[in-house]
């Protein structure tokens, strides 16, 4: 029996169960092991406590052989690699876009100035402020149900959350608007899962690799490479989205390329810096580094607080 470590929230257990089901279907029975993390015990904003608090306890259990596999929301992982562990699989990604859930089903442009909008991410807050709509952005914690409840109760006029989470828990009915990345660039790796195990367990690495999606992994490698090269940290106001696209060469032949876009924003919304690049899929990580270098040349370092890496 493969033991899969996960946080206990509905979203986390739902995500982990998809991996357990896939493994079981492939002939490798698996079960979930619920692990309480420091992040679950704190009501402080994520930007204050650091995203790593959601993953440290699970990784410790993995190191201690209390579990065999860990399933993370990939965007929660620090960009620095963890010694002794390997991301053995990155399954096909869910919709990476951010989504608005609002009272009266109003889209963002319909919310009156002064409307209260809750979000957990400095990245979202910065980009929302940069739109100049006069919204009052408030910090937000809690699971997805409690966040949606703040809109239903009238405590907030709207919240912005990852659409992927709502898809996974079956609550897409709550989505008022899914943001085009032109409006709101998602967090690097948003919508993707990281399936992690000990690097010395060669047989398990092989088994998990069957769940890997090459296009998703390339996209995530590029996005997280931007974040790492900016030395910005997991909670910095940086958005990035990559996708494998089809291009046509001079001879009319179709080939795959990786398209990558990124933004760095001042937390008060006073400035945003955007850049994009297209290149070979196999150079995903280098494309991220190149794009980060361009952002830095344009002044992004002053916006994202380099050196605060989570």
Protein backbone atom coordinates (compact mmCIF):
# COMPACT_ATOMS: atom_id res chain seq x y z
CA UNK A 1 0.00 0.00 0.00
CA UNK A 2 1.44 3.36 -1.08
CA UNK A 3 0.90 5.96 1.67
CA UNK A 4 0.16 9.45 0.33
CA UNK A 5 0.70 12.39 2.67
CA UNK A 6 -1.62 15.38 2.32
CA UNK A 7 -3.12 18.27 4.23
CA UNK A 8 -6.60 17.64 5.57
CA UNK A 9 -8.59 20.33 3.73
CA UNK A 10 -11.27 19.32 1.25
CA UNK A 11 -9.20 20.66 -1.64
CA UNK A 12 -5.98 18.95 -0.52
CA UNK A 13 -7.61 15.58 0.08
CA UNK A 14 -9.52 15.79 -3.20
CA UNK A 15 -6.27 16.49 -5.07
CA UNK A 16 -4.44 13.68 -3.29
CA UNK A 17 -7.30 11.26 -3.89
CA UNK A 18 -7.02 11.78 -7.66
CA UNK A 19 -3.42 10.55 -7.40
CA UNK A 20 -4.43 7.64 -5.14
CA UNK A 21 -7.15 6.64 -7.60
CA UNK A 22 -4.76 6.84 -10.58
CA UNK A 23 -2.20 4.69 -8.80
CA UNK A 24 -4.81 2.16 -7.69
CA UNK A 25 -6.20 1.95 -11.22
CA UNK A 26 -2.67 1.22 -12.48
CA UNK A 27 -2.37 -1.66 -10.02
CA UNK A 28 -0.63 0.16 -7.16
CA UNK A 29 -3.07 0.42 -4.21
CA UNK A 30 -2.76 3.72 -2.31
CA UNK A 31 -4.26 5.39 0.74
CA UNK A 32 -4.23 8.92 2.16
CA UNK A 33 -2.45 9.94 5.35
CA UNK A 34 -3.64 13.29 6.72
CA UNK A 35 -0.89 15.57 8.05
CA UNK A 36 -1.58 18.79 9.93
CA UNK A 37 0.77 21.62 8.98
CA UNK A 38 1.80 24.83 10.70
CA UNK A 39 -0.11 26.76 8.04
CA UNK A 40 -3.33 24.99 8.99
CA UNK A 41 -2.91 26.12 12.59
CA UNK A 42 -2.35 29.81 11.79
CA UNK A 43 -4.87 32.48 10.83
CA UNK A 44 -2.18 34.94 9.70
CA UNK A 45 -1.96 36.01 6.04
CA UNK A 46 0.06 33.68 3.80
CA UNK A 47 2.41 36.52 2.89
CA UNK A 48 3.30 36.87 6.57
CA UNK A 49 3.78 33.22 7.52
CA UNK A 50 5.32 32.04 4.23
CA UNK A 51 3.91 29.45 1.87
CA UNK A 52 6.46 26.84 2.99
CA UNK A 53 4.52 26.25 6.21
CA UNK A 54 1.98 24.26 4.19
CA UNK A 55 4.60 21.83 2.89
CA UNK A 56 7.30 21.46 5.56
CA UNK A 57 5.39 19.01 7.78
CA UNK A 58 4.46 16.82 4.82
CA UNK A 59 8.03 16.77 3.56
CA UNK A 60 9.27 15.92 7.07
CA UNK A 61 6.89 12.94 7.15
CA UNK A 62 8.28 11.89 3.76
CA UNK A 63 11.88 12.13 4.98
CA UNK A 64 10.93 10.16 8.12
CA UNK A 65 9.30 7.43 6.02
CA UNK A 66 5.93 7.99 7.66
CA UNK A 67 4.52 8.37 4.14
CA UNK A 68 5.79 7.29 0.74
CA UNK A 69 4.43 10.07 -1.45
CA UNK A 70 3.46 13.71 -0.93
CA UNK A 71 0.94 15.57 -3.08
CA UNK A 72 1.29 19.34 -3.08
CA UNK A 73 -0.35 22.23 -4.84
CA UNK A 74 2.78 22.98 -6.86
CA UNK A 75 2.54 26.73 -6.33
CA UNK A 76 2.93 26.13 -2.55
CA UNK A 77 6.42 24.68 -2.91
CA UNK A 78 9.49 26.87 -2.37
CA UNK A 79 11.53 27.21 -5.55
CA UNK A 80 14.68 25.80 -3.93
CA UNK A 81 14.96 21.99 -4.38
CA UNK A 82 14.56 19.75 -1.35
CA UNK A 83 17.55 17.47 -0.73
CA UNK A 84 16.67 13.78 -0.85
CA UNK A 85 13.29 14.34 -2.54
CA UNK A 86 12.23 14.45 -6.18
CA UNK A 87 9.12 15.66 -8.02
CA UNK A 88 8.47 12.34 -9.72
CA UNK A 89 5.30 13.44 -11.52
CA UNK A 90 3.50 16.58 -12.61
CA UNK A 91 0.07 15.39 -13.81
CA UNK A 92 -1.96 17.28 -16.43
CA UNK A 93 -2.71 20.76 -15.16
CA UNK A 94 -6.16 22.05 -14.23
CA UNK A 95 -7.29 25.50 -15.45
CA UNK A 96 -4.56 27.90 -14.16
CA UNK A 97 -6.68 31.07 -14.25
CA UNK A 98 -7.82 33.14 -11.29
CA UNK A 99 -11.56 33.39 -10.77
CA UNK A 100 -13.89 36.01 -9.31
CA UNK A 101 -16.76 35.02 -7.03
CA UNK A 102 -18.99 38.02 -6.35
CA UNK A 103 -22.34 39.00 -4.91
CA UNK A 104 -25.04 39.41 -7.51
CA UNK A 105 -22.84 37.64 -10.07
CA UNK A 106 -21.20 40.93 -11.03
CA UNK A 107 -18.05 40.72 -13.14
CA UNK A 108 -15.04 42.73 -11.99
CA UNK A 109 -15.84 45.75 -14.14
CA UNK A 110 -19.35 45.95 -12.66
CA UNK A 111 -18.22 46.18 -9.03
CA UNK A 112 -18.72 49.76 -7.78
CA UNK A 113 -15.66 51.69 -6.51
CA UNK A 114 -15.10 50.90 -2.85
CA UNK A 115 -16.28 47.31 -3.19
CA UNK A 116 -14.46 44.93 -0.84
CA UNK A 117 -12.53 42.15 -2.57
CA UNK A 118 -10.75 39.45 -0.58
CA UNK A 119 -7.62 37.66 -1.73
CA UNK A 120 -4.84 35.71 -0.04
CA UNK A 121 -2.13 36.62 -2.56
CA UNK A 122 -0.06 39.82 -2.82
CA UNK A 123 0.22 38.96 -6.53
CA UNK A 124 -3.54 39.19 -6.99
CA UNK A 125 -3.86 42.26 -4.78
CA UNK A 126 -1.14 44.10 -6.69
CA UNK A 127 -2.63 43.35 -10.11
CA UNK A 128 -6.15 44.20 -8.96
CA UNK A 129 -4.99 47.56 -7.59
CA UNK A 130 -3.11 48.24 -10.82
CA UNK A 131 -6.39 48.05 -12.74
CA UNK A 132 -7.41 51.34 -11.09
CA UNK A 133 -10.99 50.31 -10.32
CA UNK A 134 -11.01 51.80 -6.81
CA UNK A 135 -11.58 48.46 -5.12
CA UNK A 136 -10.78 47.87 -1.44
CA UNK A 137 -8.54 44.81 -1.31
CA UNK A 138 -8.66 42.84 1.94
CA UNK A 139 -6.51 39.90 3.13
CA UNK A 140 -8.19 36.51 3.08
CA UNK A 141 -7.48 33.18 4.78
CA UNK A 142 -9.39 29.97 5.23
CA UNK A 143 -10.44 27.08 3.04
CA UNK A 144 -12.37 27.59 -0.18
CA UNK A 145 -15.78 27.04 1.43
CA UNK A 146 -15.12 29.66 4.08
CA UNK A 147 -13.89 32.12 1.44
CA UNK A 148 -17.02 31.64 -0.63
CA UNK A 149 -19.04 32.00 2.56
CA UNK A 150 -17.69 35.52 3.12
CA UNK A 151 -19.36 36.56 -0.13
CA UNK A 152 -22.59 34.70 0.60
CA UNK A 153 -22.82 36.32 4.05
CA UNK A 154 -22.14 39.81 2.72
CA UNK A 155 -18.89 40.21 4.65
CA UNK A 156 -17.13 40.77 1.33
CA UNK A 157 -18.45 41.87 -2.05
CA UNK A 158 -16.19 39.44 -3.88
CA UNK A 159 -13.20 37.11 -3.55
CA UNK A 160 -10.54 36.09 -6.05
CA UNK A 161 -9.38 32.47 -5.85
CA UNK A 162 -7.76 29.89 -8.11
CA UNK A 163 -10.34 28.46 -10.50
CA UNK A 164 -8.58 25.08 -10.36
CA UNK A 165 -9.52 24.67 -6.71
CA UNK A 166 -13.19 25.32 -7.44
CA UNK A 167 -13.07 22.82 -10.31
CA UNK A 168 -11.57 20.15 -8.09
CA UNK A 169 -14.16 20.51 -5.30
CA UNK A 170 -17.06 20.79 -7.75
CA UNK A 171 -17.90 24.45 -7.16
CA UNK A 172 -17.49 26.00 -10.60
CA UNK A 173 -21.11 27.13 -10.24
CA UNK A 174 -19.78 29.86 -7.94
CA UNK A 175 -17.49 31.40 -10.57
CA UNK A 176 -18.67 34.81 -11.79
CA UNK A 177 -15.70 35.45 -14.05
CA UNK A 178 -12.50 33.61 -15.01
CA UNK A 179 -9.76 36.14 -15.67
CA UNK A 180 -7.87 36.15 -18.92
CA UNK A 181 -4.14 36.22 -18.12
CA UNK A 182 -3.97 39.57 -19.90
CA UNK A 183 -6.00 40.97 -16.98
CA UNK A 184 -4.61 38.87 -14.12
CA UNK A 185 -1.58 36.63 -14.56
CA UNK A 186 -1.80 33.58 -12.28
CA UNK A 187 0.83 32.41 -9.81
CA UNK A 188 3.66 30.30 -11.22
CA UNK A 189 2.47 26.65 -11.22
CA UNK A 190 -1.13 27.55 -10.34
CA UNK A 191 -3.48 24.67 -11.10
CA UNK A 192 -0.68 22.08 -11.13
CA UNK A 193 0.11 19.30 -8.67
CA UNK A 194 3.55 18.13 -7.57
CA UNK A 195 3.79 14.43 -6.74
CA UNK A 196 6.90 13.99 -4.62
CA UNK A 197 8.77 11.02 -3.20
CA UNK A 198 12.21 10.12 -1.84
CA UNK A 199 14.81 10.19 -4.59
CA UNK A 200 16.39 6.92 -3.41
CA UNK A 201 13.15 4.98 -3.99
CA UNK A 202 13.82 4.13 -7.64
CA UNK A 203 10.84 1.79 -8.03
CA UNK A 204 8.37 4.35 -6.70
CA UNK A 205 9.92 7.09 -8.86
CA UNK A 206 9.30 4.82 -11.86
CA UNK A 207 5.70 4.13 -10.85
CA UNK A 208 4.88 7.77 -10.26
CA UNK A 209 6.54 8.85 -13.52
CA UNK A 210 3.66 7.15 -15.35
CA UNK A 211 1.44 10.02 -14.12
CA UNK A 212 3.73 12.73 -15.52
CA UNK A 213 2.58 15.09 -18.28
CA UNK A 214 5.53 16.45 -20.27
CA UNK A 215 3.81 19.63 -21.48
CA UNK A 216 2.62 20.54 -17.99
CA UNK A 217 6.04 19.87 -16.50
CA UNK A 218 7.73 22.07 -19.11
CA UNK A 219 5.28 24.90 -18.45
CA UNK A 220 5.77 24.66 -14.69
CA UNK A 221 9.56 24.51 -15.02
CA UNK A 222 9.50 27.73 -17.04
CA UNK A 223 7.15 29.56 -14.68
CA UNK A 224 9.00 28.58 -11.51
CA UNK A 225 12.31 29.40 -13.16
CA UNK A 226 11.10 32.99 -13.52
CA UNK A 227 10.29 33.11 -9.81
CA UNK A 228 13.58 31.53 -8.76
CA UNK A 229 15.67 33.78 -10.99
CA UNK A 230 13.93 36.86 -9.62
CA UNK A 231 14.81 35.64 -6.10
CA UNK A 232 11.38 36.93 -5.27
CA UNK A 233 9.85 34.29 -3.04
CA UNK A 234 6.68 32.21 -3.24
CA UNK A 235 4.40 35.00 -2.02
CA UNK A 236 5.90 37.82 -4.10
CA UNK A 237 3.70 39.85 -6.48
CA UNK A 238 4.89 37.87 -9.52
CA UNK A 239 2.63 36.15 -12.02
CA UNK A 240 3.63 33.80 -14.83
CA UNK A 241 1.91 31.53 -17.31
CA UNK A 242 3.44 29.20 -19.87
CA UNK A 243 1.87 26.90 -22.43
CA UNK A 244 3.03 24.62 -25.19
CA UNK A 245 1.77 26.00 -28.50
CA UNK A 246 1.97 24.92 -32.12
CA UNK A 247 4.06 26.98 -34.53
CA UNK A 248 4.80 26.63 -38.25
CA UNK A 249 8.29 26.89 -39.73
CA UNK A 250 9.25 28.35 -43.12
CA UNK A 251 8.65 24.99 -44.79
CA UNK A 252 5.12 24.72 -43.42
CA UNK A 253 5.99 22.09 -40.83
CA UNK A 254 4.23 22.23 -37.44
CA UNK A 255 6.36 22.09 -34.32
CA UNK A 256 5.86 22.74 -30.60
CA UNK A 257 7.15 25.81 -28.78
CA UNK A 258 6.79 27.16 -25.27
CA UNK A 259 5.11 30.53 -24.84
CA UNK A 260 5.87 32.24 -21.51
CA UNK A 261 4.48 35.48 -20.07
CA UNK A 262 5.28 37.07 -16.72
CA UNK A 263 4.51 40.17 -14.66
CA UNK A 264 6.07 41.82 -11.63
CA UNK A 265 3.90 44.32 -9.80
CA UNK A 266 4.25 46.85 -7.00
CA UNK A 267 2.04 45.75 -4.10
CA UNK A 268 0.26 49.12 -4.08
CA UNK A 269 -0.56 48.73 -7.78
CA UNK A 270 1.46 51.78 -8.77
CA UNK A 271 3.55 49.92 -11.33
CA UNK A 272 3.58 46.68 -13.31
CA UNK A 273 6.29 45.29 -15.57
CA UNK A 274 5.40 42.67 -18.16
CA UNK A 275 7.47 40.62 -20.59
CA UNK A 276 7.09 37.52 -22.74
CA UNK A 277 9.21 35.03 -24.64
CA UNK A 278 8.73 32.06 -26.99
CA UNK A 279 11.28 29.30 -27.43
CA UNK A 280 12.03 25.55 -27.55
CA UNK A 281 10.09 23.40 -25.09
CA UNK A 282 13.29 21.59 -24.05
CA UNK A 283 14.76 24.94 -22.91
CA UNK A 284 11.87 25.66 -20.55
CA UNK A 285 13.98 26.45 -17.50
CA UNK A 286 16.38 28.65 -19.45
CA UNK A 287 13.48 30.54 -21.02
CA UNK A 288 12.29 31.36 -17.52
CA UNK A 289 15.73 32.63 -16.56
CA UNK A 290 15.94 34.72 -19.73
CA UNK A 291 12.54 36.26 -19.09
CA UNK A 292 13.43 37.02 -15.47
CA UNK A 293 16.60 38.74 -16.68
CA UNK A 294 14.51 40.90 -19.00
CA UNK A 295 12.14 41.78 -16.16
CA UNK A 296 15.08 42.75 -13.97
CA UNK A 297 16.51 44.96 -16.71
CA UNK A 298 13.14 46.70 -16.81
CA UNK A 299 13.26 47.35 -13.04
CA UNK A 300 11.37 44.40 -11.57
CA UNK A 301 13.84 43.91 -8.72
CA UNK A 302 12.55 47.02 -6.96
CA UNK A 303 8.98 45.76 -7.16
CA UNK A 304 9.32 42.21 -5.89
CA UNK A 305 11.78 42.62 -3.02
CA UNK A 306 14.61 40.40 -4.21
CA UNK A 307 16.12 38.21 -1.56
CA UNK A 308 12.89 37.29 0.29
CA UNK A 309 12.69 33.86 -1.28
CA UNK A 310 10.38 31.43 0.50
